[in-house]
């Protein structure tokens, strides 16, 4: 992974777009969400196809997720 692609979390999209977040030597897929019951905005983790709230995991850096494979390509 090219470290030059990591950007400061302040520049990350806050429209629900999933991104790759990095904090304290760990990285995972996260997205910005505003909690309906408090109005507080937080980074939520996306894990194994479902959304999971794990408290206040605050990434310091981010990068866009890579594009998936083209499923219409011939894989022979």
C-alpha atoms as a PDB file:
ATOM      1  CA  UNK A   1       0.000   0.000   0.000  1.00  0.00           C
ATOM      2  CA  UNK A   2       1.440   3.362  -1.009  1.00  0.00           C
ATOM      3  CA  UNK A   3       1.672   5.412   2.183  1.00  0.00           C
ATOM      4  CA  UNK A   4       1.546   8.630   0.150  1.00  0.00           C
ATOM      5  CA  UNK A   5      -2.160   7.940  -0.419  1.00  0.00           C
ATOM      6  CA  UNK A   6      -3.002   8.338   3.293  1.00  0.00           C
ATOM      7  CA  UNK A   7      -4.661  11.680   3.977  1.00  0.00           C
ATOM      8  CA  UNK A   8      -5.517  13.523   7.169  1.00  0.00           C
ATOM      9  CA  UNK A   9      -8.907  12.397   8.533  1.00  0.00           C
ATOM     10  CA  UNK A  10     -10.096  16.017   8.442  1.00  0.00           C
ATOM     11  CA  UNK A  11     -10.316  15.706   4.647  1.00  0.00           C
ATOM     12  CA  UNK A  12     -12.379  12.476   4.671  1.00  0.00           C
ATOM     13  CA  UNK A  13     -15.908  12.444   3.232  1.00  0.00           C
ATOM     14  CA  UNK A  14     -18.664  12.666   5.818  1.00  0.00           C
ATOM     15  CA  UNK A  15     -21.544  11.605   3.582  1.00  0.00           C
ATOM     16  CA  UNK A  16     -21.662   7.900   4.523  1.00  0.00           C
ATOM     17  CA  UNK A  17     -19.056   6.845   1.952  1.00  0.00           C
ATOM     18  CA  UNK A  18     -17.029   3.878   3.229  1.00  0.00           C
ATOM     19  CA  UNK A  19     -13.295   4.613   3.504  1.00  0.00           C
ATOM     20  CA  UNK A  20     -10.212   2.894   4.842  1.00  0.00           C
ATOM     21  CA  UNK A  21      -9.367   4.433   8.222  1.00  0.00           C
ATOM     22  CA  UNK A  22      -6.023   4.147  10.046  1.00  0.00           C
ATOM     23  CA  UNK A  23      -5.265   4.597  13.753  1.00  0.00           C
ATOM     24  CA  UNK A  24      -2.515   3.269  16.039  1.00  0.00           C
ATOM     25  CA  UNK A  25      -1.151   0.714  13.590  1.00  0.00           C
ATOM     26  CA  UNK A  26      -4.562  -0.683  12.638  1.00  0.00           C
ATOM     27  CA  UNK A  27      -6.775  -0.025   9.647  1.00  0.00           C
ATOM     28  CA  UNK A  28     -10.339  -0.949   8.838  1.00  0.00           C
ATOM     29  CA  UNK A  29     -13.320   0.166   6.773  1.00  0.00           C
ATOM     30  CA  UNK A  30     -15.303   2.968   8.398  1.00  0.00           C
ATOM     31  CA  UNK A  31     -17.915   5.540   7.463  1.00  0.00           C
ATOM     32  CA  UNK A  32     -19.144   8.758   9.086  1.00  0.00           C
ATOM     33  CA  UNK A  33     -22.533   8.588  10.758  1.00  0.00           C
ATOM     34  CA  UNK A  34     -24.588  10.935  12.888  1.00  0.00           C
ATOM     35  CA  UNK A  35     -26.335   9.122  15.733  1.00  0.00           C
ATOM     36  CA  UNK A  36     -30.061   9.843  15.679  1.00  0.00           C
ATOM     37  CA  UNK A  37     -30.434   9.767  19.463  1.00  0.00           C
ATOM     38  CA  UNK A  38     -27.613  12.207  20.258  1.00  0.00           C
ATOM     39  CA  UNK A  39     -26.845  14.075  17.060  1.00  0.00           C
ATOM     40  CA  UNK A  40     -23.163  13.182  17.628  1.00  0.00           C
ATOM     41  CA  UNK A  41     -21.102  12.365  14.550  1.00  0.00           C
ATOM     42  CA  UNK A  42     -18.809   9.332  14.833  1.00  0.00           C
ATOM     43  CA  UNK A  43     -16.771   6.979  12.674  1.00  0.00           C
ATOM     44  CA  UNK A  44     -18.571   3.657  12.558  1.00  0.00           C
ATOM     45  CA  UNK A  45     -16.804   0.441  11.640  1.00  0.00           C
ATOM     46  CA  UNK A  46     -18.104  -1.780   8.865  1.00  0.00           C
ATOM     47  CA  UNK A  47     -17.240  -5.390   9.661  1.00  0.00           C
ATOM     48  CA  UNK A  48     -18.175  -8.628   7.934  1.00  0.00           C
ATOM     49  CA  UNK A  49     -21.038  -7.068   5.992  1.00  0.00           C
ATOM     50  CA  UNK A  50     -22.796  -5.452   8.920  1.00  0.00           C
ATOM     51  CA  UNK A  51     -22.417  -2.194  10.759  1.00  0.00           C
ATOM     52  CA  UNK A  52     -20.902  -2.433  14.206  1.00  0.00           C
ATOM     53  CA  UNK A  53     -20.510   0.369  16.714  1.00  0.00           C
ATOM     54  CA  UNK A  54     -17.372  -0.017  18.812  1.00  0.00           C
ATOM     55  CA  UNK A  55     -17.301   3.204  20.779  1.00  0.00           C
ATOM     56  CA  UNK A  56     -15.038   6.006  19.755  1.00  0.00           C
ATOM     57  CA  UNK A  57     -12.506   4.565  17.316  1.00  0.00           C
ATOM     58  CA  UNK A  58     -11.128   7.709  15.776  1.00  0.00           C
ATOM     59  CA  UNK A  59      -8.950   7.209  12.718  1.00  0.00           C
ATOM     60  CA  UNK A  60      -6.185   9.735  12.160  1.00  0.00           C
ATOM     61  CA  UNK A  61      -5.730   9.036   8.451  1.00  0.00           C
ATOM     62  CA  UNK A  62      -7.834   7.722   5.593  1.00  0.00           C
ATOM     63  CA  UNK A  63      -7.744   6.692   1.950  1.00  0.00           C
ATOM     64  CA  UNK A  64     -10.437   5.731  -0.556  1.00  0.00           C
ATOM     65  CA  UNK A  65     -11.284   2.052  -0.835  1.00  0.00           C
ATOM     66  CA  UNK A  66      -9.945   0.382  -3.975  1.00  0.00           C
ATOM     67  CA  UNK A  67     -12.359  -0.503  -6.729  1.00  0.00           C
ATOM     68  CA  UNK A  68     -13.533  -4.094  -6.787  1.00  0.00           C
ATOM     69  CA  UNK A  69     -12.718  -6.429  -9.648  1.00  0.00           C
ATOM     70  CA  UNK A  70     -14.578  -6.059 -12.895  1.00  0.00           C
ATOM     71  CA  UNK A  71     -17.005  -8.977 -12.731  1.00  0.00           C
ATOM     72  CA  UNK A  72     -17.621  -8.771 -16.485  1.00  0.00           C
ATOM     73  CA  UNK A  73     -13.992  -9.556 -17.404  1.00  0.00           C
ATOM     74  CA  UNK A  74     -13.131 -12.976 -18.778  1.00  0.00           C
ATOM     75  CA  UNK A  75     -11.131 -14.735 -16.035  1.00  0.00           C
ATOM     76  CA  UNK A  76      -9.796 -17.607 -18.189  1.00  0.00           C
END
